[in-house]
């Protein structure tokens, strides 16, 4: 049915959003085949197996998760990089939060909804629920002009029950994991790395030190003195430290 090597779902990680994006992408790319298999199993009426298949058919809402986890994947990959730059990570977090907030715009949602409809058409999935019985208009509405259908519309239900909750959950996780103090700690640590462009940047170091109630005035003098000592050692032939550990070792005899 599909060209290329078979795809398998990876074991999901509880912390890595990248794994969840790969899983959502795989399911979305193979959605017609997955739905066909689930429909065949659901039609078997073979106990728990059929019940599980019918339940999965109702829960396939991949479009939103694929997009959101795809955007978050870049941050996840950066945070797991062996050459992690914490300042870049903080900048990416701020950009990601801004992007998720922009996704609540009506224009973006209209584009996403078109993708949902196109995918539903390819998979022969009904986008409008089939009513079990004819809906009667409430007597309270008699004599009034009804501008929209009574009851929840599929589009509005998707927006309120799936799209916004997914966005709000991701924003909540980002704000919890990367709160202002946490970001200040990350930038402060990066400012202690000799190979960083923000090495010894006072604004980052002072914000970091304030979290631990350090004396900022004393720290300012110590940072200035450390930079002079380090420059003198490098001038005399010592190789410049390339990490926080190497910097600590080079300064340790001065305690």
C-alpha atoms as a PDB file:
ATOM      1  CA  UNK A   1       0.000   0.000   0.000  1.00  0.00           C
ATOM      2  CA  UNK A   2       2.944   2.334   0.723  1.00  0.00           C
ATOM      3  CA  UNK A   3       6.364   2.465  -0.905  1.00  0.00           C
ATOM      4  CA  UNK A   4       9.526   2.379   1.154  1.00  0.00           C
ATOM      5  CA  UNK A   5      10.520   0.595   4.330  1.00  0.00           C
ATOM      6  CA  UNK A   6       7.849  -0.320   6.901  1.00  0.00           C
ATOM      7  CA  UNK A   7       7.444   2.135   9.764  1.00  0.00           C
ATOM      8  CA  UNK A   8       7.143   1.211  13.408  1.00  0.00           C
ATOM      9  CA  UNK A   9       5.939   3.233  16.382  1.00  0.00           C
ATOM     10  CA  UNK A  10       8.700   4.016  18.849  1.00  0.00           C
ATOM     11  CA  UNK A  11       8.359   3.537  22.567  1.00  0.00           C
ATOM     12  CA  UNK A  12       7.161   6.884  23.914  1.00  0.00           C
ATOM     13  CA  UNK A  13       9.325   8.824  26.341  1.00  0.00           C
ATOM     14  CA  UNK A  14       7.689  10.566  29.264  1.00  0.00           C
ATOM     15  CA  UNK A  15       9.884  13.637  28.809  1.00  0.00           C
ATOM     16  CA  UNK A  16      10.938  13.863  25.147  1.00  0.00           C
ATOM     17  CA  UNK A  17       8.434  15.658  22.939  1.00  0.00           C
ATOM     18  CA  UNK A  18      10.471  14.646  19.879  1.00  0.00           C
ATOM     19  CA  UNK A  19       9.439  11.001  20.353  1.00  0.00           C
ATOM     20  CA  UNK A  20       5.789  11.983  20.456  1.00  0.00           C
ATOM     21  CA  UNK A  21       6.133  14.025  17.258  1.00  0.00           C
ATOM     22  CA  UNK A  22       7.698  11.071  15.421  1.00  0.00           C
ATOM     23  CA  UNK A  23       4.883   8.806  16.607  1.00  0.00           C
ATOM     24  CA  UNK A  24       2.184  11.305  15.560  1.00  0.00           C
ATOM     25  CA  UNK A  25       3.869  11.834  12.189  1.00  0.00           C
ATOM     26  CA  UNK A  26       4.009   8.081  11.555  1.00  0.00           C
ATOM     27  CA  UNK A  27       0.346   7.614  12.460  1.00  0.00           C
ATOM     28  CA  UNK A  28      -0.724  10.585  10.325  1.00  0.00           C
ATOM     29  CA  UNK A  29       1.235   9.377   7.286  1.00  0.00           C
ATOM     30  CA  UNK A  30      -0.297   5.902   7.568  1.00  0.00           C
ATOM     31  CA  UNK A  31      -3.720   7.014   8.808  1.00  0.00           C
ATOM     32  CA  UNK A  32      -5.793   5.537   5.934  1.00  0.00           C
ATOM     33  CA  UNK A  33      -4.242   2.106   6.461  1.00  0.00           C
ATOM     34  CA  UNK A  34      -4.638   2.308  10.244  1.00  0.00           C
ATOM     35  CA  UNK A  35      -8.312   3.261   9.972  1.00  0.00           C
ATOM     36  CA  UNK A  36      -8.945   0.453   7.495  1.00  0.00           C
ATOM     37  CA  UNK A  37      -7.403  -2.138   9.829  1.00  0.00           C
ATOM     38  CA  UNK A  38      -9.301  -0.799  12.851  1.00  0.00           C
ATOM     39  CA  UNK A  39     -12.579  -0.856  10.926  1.00  0.00           C
ATOM     40  CA  UNK A  40     -11.996  -4.479   9.925  1.00  0.00           C
ATOM     41  CA  UNK A  41     -11.217  -5.446  13.524  1.00  0.00           C
ATOM     42  CA  UNK A  42     -14.204  -3.481  14.845  1.00  0.00           C
ATOM     43  CA  UNK A  43     -16.473  -5.342  12.414  1.00  0.00           C
ATOM     44  CA  UNK A  44     -15.329  -8.732  13.707  1.00  0.00           C
ATOM     45  CA  UNK A  45     -17.387  -8.415  16.918  1.00  0.00           C
ATOM     46  CA  UNK A  46     -14.752 -10.449  18.720  1.00  0.00           C
ATOM     47  CA  UNK A  47     -15.058  -9.185  22.281  1.00  0.00           C
ATOM     48  CA  UNK A  48     -12.423  -6.916  23.778  1.00  0.00           C
ATOM     49  CA  UNK A  49     -10.437  -6.730  20.540  1.00  0.00           C
ATOM     50  CA  UNK A  50     -13.366  -5.154  18.664  1.00  0.00           C
ATOM     51  CA  UNK A  51     -14.214  -2.832  21.553  1.00  0.00           C
ATOM     52  CA  UNK A  52     -10.624  -1.581  21.676  1.00  0.00           C
ATOM     53  CA  UNK A  53     -10.621  -1.004  17.911  1.00  0.00           C
ATOM     54  CA  UNK A  54     -13.844   1.017  18.048  1.00  0.00           C
ATOM     55  CA  UNK A  55     -12.431   3.082  20.904  1.00  0.00           C
ATOM     56  CA  UNK A  56      -9.262   3.834  18.948  1.00  0.00           C
ATOM     57  CA  UNK A  57     -11.284   4.903  15.925  1.00  0.00           C
ATOM     58  CA  UNK A  58     -12.954   7.558  18.056  1.00  0.00           C
ATOM     59  CA  UNK A  59      -9.663   8.878  19.447  1.00  0.00           C
ATOM     60  CA  UNK A  60      -7.632   9.447  16.274  1.00  0.00           C
ATOM     61  CA  UNK A  61      -6.974  13.204  16.463  1.00  0.00           C
ATOM     62  CA  UNK A  62      -3.430  13.409  15.094  1.00  0.00           C
ATOM     63  CA  UNK A  63      -3.406  16.672  13.150  1.00  0.00           C
ATOM     64  CA  UNK A  64      -3.121  19.048  16.098  1.00  0.00           C
ATOM     65  CA  UNK A  65      -0.628  16.915  18.035  1.00  0.00           C
ATOM     66  CA  UNK A  66       1.599  16.433  14.980  1.00  0.00           C
ATOM     67  CA  UNK A  67       1.875  20.185  14.414  1.00  0.00           C
ATOM     68  CA  UNK A  68       2.387  21.137  18.050  1.00  0.00           C
ATOM     69  CA  UNK A  69       4.855  18.353  18.870  1.00  0.00           C
ATOM     70  CA  UNK A  70       6.657  19.087  15.591  1.00  0.00           C
ATOM     71  CA  UNK A  71       7.313  22.662  16.698  1.00  0.00           C
ATOM     72  CA  UNK A  72       8.374  21.482  20.158  1.00  0.00           C
ATOM     73  CA  UNK A  73      10.710  18.875  18.675  1.00  0.00           C
ATOM     74  CA  UNK A  74      13.371  21.487  17.839  1.00  0.00           C
ATOM     75  CA  UNK A  75      13.500  22.529  21.491  1.00  0.00           C
ATOM     76  CA  UNK A  76      13.602  18.906  22.634  1.00  0.00           C
ATOM     77  CA  UNK A  77      16.489  18.092  20.267  1.00  0.00           C
ATOM     78  CA  UNK A  78      18.403  21.202  21.360  1.00  0.00           C
ATOM     79  CA  UNK A  79      18.024  20.360  25.057  1.00  0.00           C
ATOM     80  CA  UNK A  80      19.427  16.860  24.405  1.00  0.00           C
ATOM     81  CA  UNK A  81      22.341  18.105  22.297  1.00  0.00           C
ATOM     82  CA  UNK A  82      25.836  17.368  23.700  1.00  0.00           C
ATOM     83  CA  UNK A  83      26.831  20.926  22.703  1.00  0.00           C
ATOM     84  CA  UNK A  84      23.837  22.528  24.380  1.00  0.00           C
ATOM     85  CA  UNK A  85      23.804  26.324  24.467  1.00  0.00           C
ATOM     86  CA  UNK A  86      21.493  27.263  27.339  1.00  0.00           C
ATOM     87  CA  UNK A  87      21.023  30.838  26.103  1.00  0.00           C
ATOM     88  CA  UNK A  88      19.852  29.552  22.729  1.00  0.00           C
ATOM     89  CA  UNK A  89      17.501  27.182  24.536  1.00  0.00           C
ATOM     90  CA  UNK A  90      15.963  30.071  26.498  1.00  0.00           C
ATOM     91  CA  UNK A  91      15.521  32.082  23.290  1.00  0.00           C
ATOM     92  CA  UNK A  92      13.885  29.086  21.610  1.00  0.00           C
ATOM     93  CA  UNK A  93      11.528  28.600  24.569  1.00  0.00           C
ATOM     94  CA  UNK A  94      10.391  32.218  24.324  1.00  0.00           C
ATOM     95  CA  UNK A  95       9.872  31.878  20.561  1.00  0.00           C
ATOM     96  CA  UNK A  96       7.943  28.625  21.011  1.00  0.00           C
ATOM     97  CA  UNK A  97       5.640  30.150  23.636  1.00  0.00           C
ATOM     98  CA  UNK A  98       4.986  33.090  21.307  1.00  0.00           C
ATOM     99  CA  UNK A  99       4.209  30.723  18.416  1.00  0.00           C
ATOM    100  CA  UNK A 100       1.755  28.643  20.464  1.00  0.00           C
ATOM    101  CA  UNK A 101       0.020  31.828  21.583  1.00  0.00           C
ATOM    102  CA  UNK A 102      -0.244  32.926  17.942  1.00  0.00           C
ATOM    103  CA  UNK A 103      -1.842  29.576  17.082  1.00  0.00           C
ATOM    104  CA  UNK A 104      -4.957  30.692  18.925  1.00  0.00           C
ATOM    105  CA  UNK A 105      -5.517  33.179  16.117  1.00  0.00           C
ATOM    106  CA  UNK A 106      -8.584  32.431  13.991  1.00  0.00           C
ATOM    107  CA  UNK A 107      -6.596  32.587  10.739  1.00  0.00           C
ATOM    108  CA  UNK A 108      -4.264  29.803  11.828  1.00  0.00           C
ATOM    109  CA  UNK A 109      -7.113  27.627  13.032  1.00  0.00           C
ATOM    110  CA  UNK A 110      -8.916  27.984   9.687  1.00  0.00           C
ATOM    111  CA  UNK A 111      -5.831  26.628   7.916  1.00  0.00           C
ATOM    112  CA  UNK A 112      -5.548  23.734  10.352  1.00  0.00           C
ATOM    113  CA  UNK A 113      -9.239  22.915   9.968  1.00  0.00           C
ATOM    114  CA  UNK A 114      -8.811  22.675   6.187  1.00  0.00           C
ATOM    115  CA  UNK A 115      -6.017  20.135   6.736  1.00  0.00           C
ATOM    116  CA  UNK A 116      -8.304  18.163   9.049  1.00  0.00           C
ATOM    117  CA  UNK A 117     -11.053  18.112   6.407  1.00  0.00           C
ATOM    118  CA  UNK A 118      -8.613  17.066   3.665  1.00  0.00           C
ATOM    119  CA  UNK A 119      -7.250  14.229   5.794  1.00  0.00           C
ATOM    120  CA  UNK A 120     -10.771  13.131   6.716  1.00  0.00           C
ATOM    121  CA  UNK A 121     -11.731  13.051   3.030  1.00  0.00           C
ATOM    122  CA  UNK A 122      -8.696  10.921   2.135  1.00  0.00           C
ATOM    123  CA  UNK A 123      -9.572   8.470   4.908  1.00  0.00           C
ATOM    124  CA  UNK A 124     -13.325   8.471   4.139  1.00  0.00           C
ATOM    125  CA  UNK A 125     -14.071   9.705   7.647  1.00  0.00           C
ATOM    126  CA  UNK A 126     -17.291  11.609   8.300  1.00  0.00           C
ATOM    127  CA  UNK A 127     -16.663  15.051   9.774  1.00  0.00           C
ATOM    128  CA  UNK A 128     -20.265  15.531  10.842  1.00  0.00           C
ATOM    129  CA  UNK A 129     -21.636  13.156  13.504  1.00  0.00           C
ATOM    130  CA  UNK A 130     -24.597  11.060  12.420  1.00  0.00           C
ATOM    131  CA  UNK A 131     -27.527  11.942  14.722  1.00  0.00           C
ATOM    132  CA  UNK A 132     -29.185   9.014  16.448  1.00  0.00           C
ATOM    133  CA  UNK A 133     -32.528  10.774  16.342  1.00  0.00           C
ATOM    134  CA  UNK A 134     -33.946  13.906  14.800  1.00  0.00           C
ATOM    135  CA  UNK A 135     -33.193  16.978  16.905  1.00  0.00           C
ATOM    136  CA  UNK A 136     -36.205  19.026  17.920  1.00  0.00           C
ATOM    137  CA  UNK A 137     -35.868  22.748  18.337  1.00  0.00           C
ATOM    138  CA  UNK A 138     -36.531  23.996  21.853  1.00  0.00           C
ATOM    139  CA  UNK A 139     -39.883  25.722  22.409  1.00  0.00           C
ATOM    140  CA  UNK A 140     -37.946  28.605  23.918  1.00  0.00           C
ATOM    141  CA  UNK A 141     -36.686  29.386  20.397  1.00  0.00           C
ATOM    142  CA  UNK A 142     -40.166  29.495  18.845  1.00  0.00           C
ATOM    143  CA  UNK A 143     -40.759  32.794  17.084  1.00  0.00           C
ATOM    144  CA  UNK A 144     -37.041  33.572  16.896  1.00  0.00           C
ATOM    145  CA  UNK A 145     -34.676  33.426  13.923  1.00  0.00           C
ATOM    146  CA  UNK A 146     -31.992  30.763  14.429  1.00  0.00           C
ATOM    147  CA  UNK A 147     -28.784  31.875  12.676  1.00  0.00           C
ATOM    148  CA  UNK A 148     -26.860  28.627  13.302  1.00  0.00           C
ATOM    149  CA  UNK A 149     -27.667  25.015  13.889  1.00  0.00           C
ATOM    150  CA  UNK A 150     -28.722  24.092  17.393  1.00  0.00           C
ATOM    151  CA  UNK A 151     -26.130  22.093  19.300  1.00  0.00           C
ATOM    152  CA  UNK A 152     -22.368  21.782  19.067  1.00  0.00           C
ATOM    153  CA  UNK A 153     -20.848  22.157  15.624  1.00  0.00           C
ATOM    154  CA  UNK A 154     -18.060  19.759  14.665  1.00  0.00           C
ATOM    155  CA  UNK A 155     -15.634  22.593  13.940  1.00  0.00           C
ATOM    156  CA  UNK A 156     -16.319  24.405  17.208  1.00  0.00           C
ATOM    157  CA  UNK A 157     -16.169  21.144  19.130  1.00  0.00           C
ATOM    158  CA  UNK A 158     -12.775  20.345  17.596  1.00  0.00           C
ATOM    159  CA  UNK A 159     -11.498  23.806  18.513  1.00  0.00           C
ATOM    160  CA  UNK A 160     -12.823  23.797  22.095  1.00  0.00           C
ATOM    161  CA  UNK A 161     -12.312  20.120  22.982  1.00  0.00           C
ATOM    162  CA  UNK A 162      -9.069  19.281  21.166  1.00  0.00           C
ATOM    163  CA  UNK A 163      -7.198  22.229  19.675  1.00  0.00           C
ATOM    164  CA  UNK A 164      -7.263  24.701  22.575  1.00  0.00           C
ATOM    165  CA  UNK A 165      -6.736  22.077  25.313  1.00  0.00           C
ATOM    166  CA  UNK A 166      -3.645  20.715  23.511  1.00  0.00           C
ATOM    167  CA  UNK A 167      -2.215  24.220  23.121  1.00  0.00           C
ATOM    168  CA  UNK A 168      -3.002  25.170  26.721  1.00  0.00           C
ATOM    169  CA  UNK A 169      -1.430  21.964  28.003  1.00  0.00           C
ATOM    170  CA  UNK A 170       1.772  22.560  26.038  1.00  0.00           C
ATOM    171  CA  UNK A 171       1.926  26.206  27.143  1.00  0.00           C
ATOM    172  CA  UNK A 172       1.403  25.131  30.738  1.00  0.00           C
ATOM    173  CA  UNK A 173       4.248  22.610  30.482  1.00  0.00           C
ATOM    174  CA  UNK A 174       6.577  25.181  28.923  1.00  0.00           C
ATOM    175  CA  UNK A 175       5.778  27.791  31.573  1.00  0.00           C
ATOM    176  CA  UNK A 176       6.229  25.230  34.356  1.00  0.00           C
ATOM    177  CA  UNK A 177       9.504  23.782  33.105  1.00  0.00           C
ATOM    178  CA  UNK A 178      10.959  27.078  31.912  1.00  0.00           C
ATOM    179  CA  UNK A 179       9.733  29.549  34.499  1.00  0.00           C
ATOM    180  CA  UNK A 180      11.553  32.869  34.852  1.00  0.00           C
ATOM    181  CA  UNK A 181      13.831  31.626  37.701  1.00  0.00           C
ATOM    182  CA  UNK A 182      14.654  28.457  35.740  1.00  0.00           C
ATOM    183  CA  UNK A 183      15.561  30.481  32.647  1.00  0.00           C
ATOM    184  CA  UNK A 184      17.716  32.820  34.748  1.00  0.00           C
ATOM    185  CA  UNK A 185      19.545  29.791  36.150  1.00  0.00           C
ATOM    186  CA  UNK A 186      20.121  28.432  32.634  1.00  0.00           C
ATOM    187  CA  UNK A 187      21.472  31.763  31.380  1.00  0.00           C
ATOM    188  CA  UNK A 188      23.613  32.167  34.496  1.00  0.00           C
ATOM    189  CA  UNK A 189      25.192  28.744  33.999  1.00  0.00           C
ATOM    190  CA  UNK A 190      25.855  29.563  30.352  1.00  0.00           C
ATOM    191  CA  UNK A 191      27.555  32.810  31.442  1.00  0.00           C
ATOM    192  CA  UNK A 192      30.026  30.689  33.444  1.00  0.00           C
ATOM    193  CA  UNK A 193      31.066  28.730  30.351  1.00  0.00           C
ATOM    194  CA  UNK A 194      34.352  30.121  28.921  1.00  0.00           C
ATOM    195  CA  UNK A 195      33.408  29.013  25.392  1.00  0.00           C
ATOM    196  CA  UNK A 196      30.114  30.933  25.468  1.00  0.00           C
ATOM    197  CA  UNK A 197      29.632  34.347  23.863  1.00  0.00           C
ATOM    198  CA  UNK A 198      27.927  35.402  27.115  1.00  0.00           C
ATOM    199  CA  UNK A 199      30.897  34.402  29.311  1.00  0.00           C
ATOM    200  CA  UNK A 200      31.036  36.621  32.415  1.00  0.00           C
ATOM    201  CA  UNK A 201      28.049  38.666  31.269  1.00  0.00           C
ATOM    202  CA  UNK A 202      27.126  40.496  34.465  1.00  0.00           C
ATOM    203  CA  UNK A 203      23.383  40.765  33.870  1.00  0.00           C
ATOM    204  CA  UNK A 204      23.027  36.988  33.533  1.00  0.00           C
ATOM    205  CA  UNK A 205      25.394  36.250  36.433  1.00  0.00           C
ATOM    206  CA  UNK A 206      23.775  38.744  38.803  1.00  0.00           C
ATOM    207  CA  UNK A 207      20.263  37.441  38.089  1.00  0.00           C
ATOM    208  CA  UNK A 208      21.558  33.905  38.697  1.00  0.00           C
ATOM    209  CA  UNK A 209      23.264  34.937  41.945  1.00  0.00           C
ATOM    210  CA  UNK A 210      20.176  36.771  43.213  1.00  0.00           C
ATOM    211  CA  UNK A 211      18.206  33.526  43.200  1.00  0.00           C
ATOM    212  CA  UNK A 212      20.663  32.129  45.762  1.00  0.00           C
ATOM    213  CA  UNK A 213      20.812  35.438  47.696  1.00  0.00           C
ATOM    214  CA  UNK A 214      24.484  36.074  46.950  1.00  0.00           C
ATOM    215  CA  UNK A 215      26.151  39.420  47.578  1.00  0.00           C
ATOM    216  CA  UNK A 216      26.001  41.099  44.166  1.00  0.00           C
ATOM    217  CA  UNK A 217      28.617  43.763  44.998  1.00  0.00           C
ATOM    218  CA  UNK A 218      31.182  41.165  46.073  1.00  0.00           C
ATOM    219  CA  UNK A 219      30.364  39.032  43.039  1.00  0.00           C
ATOM    220  CA  UNK A 220      31.014  41.981  40.719  1.00  0.00           C
ATOM    221  CA  UNK A 221      34.545  42.419  42.115  1.00  0.00           C
ATOM    222  CA  UNK A 222      35.234  38.672  42.005  1.00  0.00           C
ATOM    223  CA  UNK A 223      34.099  38.348  38.384  1.00  0.00           C
ATOM    224  CA  UNK A 224      36.312  41.268  37.362  1.00  0.00           C
ATOM    225  CA  UNK A 225      39.289  39.755  39.196  1.00  0.00           C
ATOM    226  CA  UNK A 226      38.659  36.299  37.718  1.00  0.00           C
ATOM    227  CA  UNK A 227      38.658  37.683  34.174  1.00  0.00           C
ATOM    228  CA  UNK A 228      41.997  39.449  34.785  1.00  0.00           C
ATOM    229  CA  UNK A 229      43.590  36.306  36.235  1.00  0.00           C
ATOM    230  CA  UNK A 230      42.283  34.163  33.377  1.00  0.00           C
ATOM    231  CA  UNK A 231      43.558  36.607  30.740  1.00  0.00           C
ATOM    232  CA  UNK A 232      46.988  36.680  32.422  1.00  0.00           C
ATOM    233  CA  UNK A 233      47.205  32.865  32.464  1.00  0.00           C
ATOM    234  CA  UNK A 234      46.182  32.566  28.819  1.00  0.00           C
ATOM    235  CA  UNK A 235      48.758  35.213  27.863  1.00  0.00           C
ATOM    236  CA  UNK A 236      51.454  33.252  29.705  1.00  0.00           C
ATOM    237  CA  UNK A 237      50.743  30.142  27.614  1.00  0.00           C
ATOM    238  CA  UNK A 238      47.934  28.319  29.404  1.00  0.00           C
ATOM    239  CA  UNK A 239      45.260  26.929  27.108  1.00  0.00           C
ATOM    240  CA  UNK A 240      41.985  28.764  27.574  1.00  0.00           C
ATOM    241  CA  UNK A 241      39.413  26.615  29.442  1.00  0.00           C
ATOM    242  CA  UNK A 242      36.627  25.377  27.178  1.00  0.00           C
ATOM    243  CA  UNK A 243      34.134  24.268  29.829  1.00  0.00           C
ATOM    244  CA  UNK A 244      32.927  25.130  33.313  1.00  0.00           C
ATOM    245  CA  UNK A 245      34.789  22.123  34.729  1.00  0.00           C
ATOM    246  CA  UNK A 246      38.090  23.221  33.159  1.00  0.00           C
ATOM    247  CA  UNK A 247      37.538  26.778  34.390  1.00  0.00           C
ATOM    248  CA  UNK A 248      36.931  25.521  37.927  1.00  0.00           C
ATOM    249  CA  UNK A 249      40.117  23.417  37.839  1.00  0.00           C
ATOM    250  CA  UNK A 250      42.209  26.349  36.619  1.00  0.00           C
ATOM    251  CA  UNK A 251      40.892  28.624  39.380  1.00  0.00           C
ATOM    252  CA  UNK A 252      40.900  26.017  42.152  1.00  0.00           C
ATOM    253  CA  UNK A 253      44.508  26.751  43.314  1.00  0.00           C
ATOM    254  CA  UNK A 254      43.495  30.381  43.951  1.00  0.00           C
ATOM    255  CA  UNK A 255      41.058  29.488  46.742  1.00  0.00           C
END
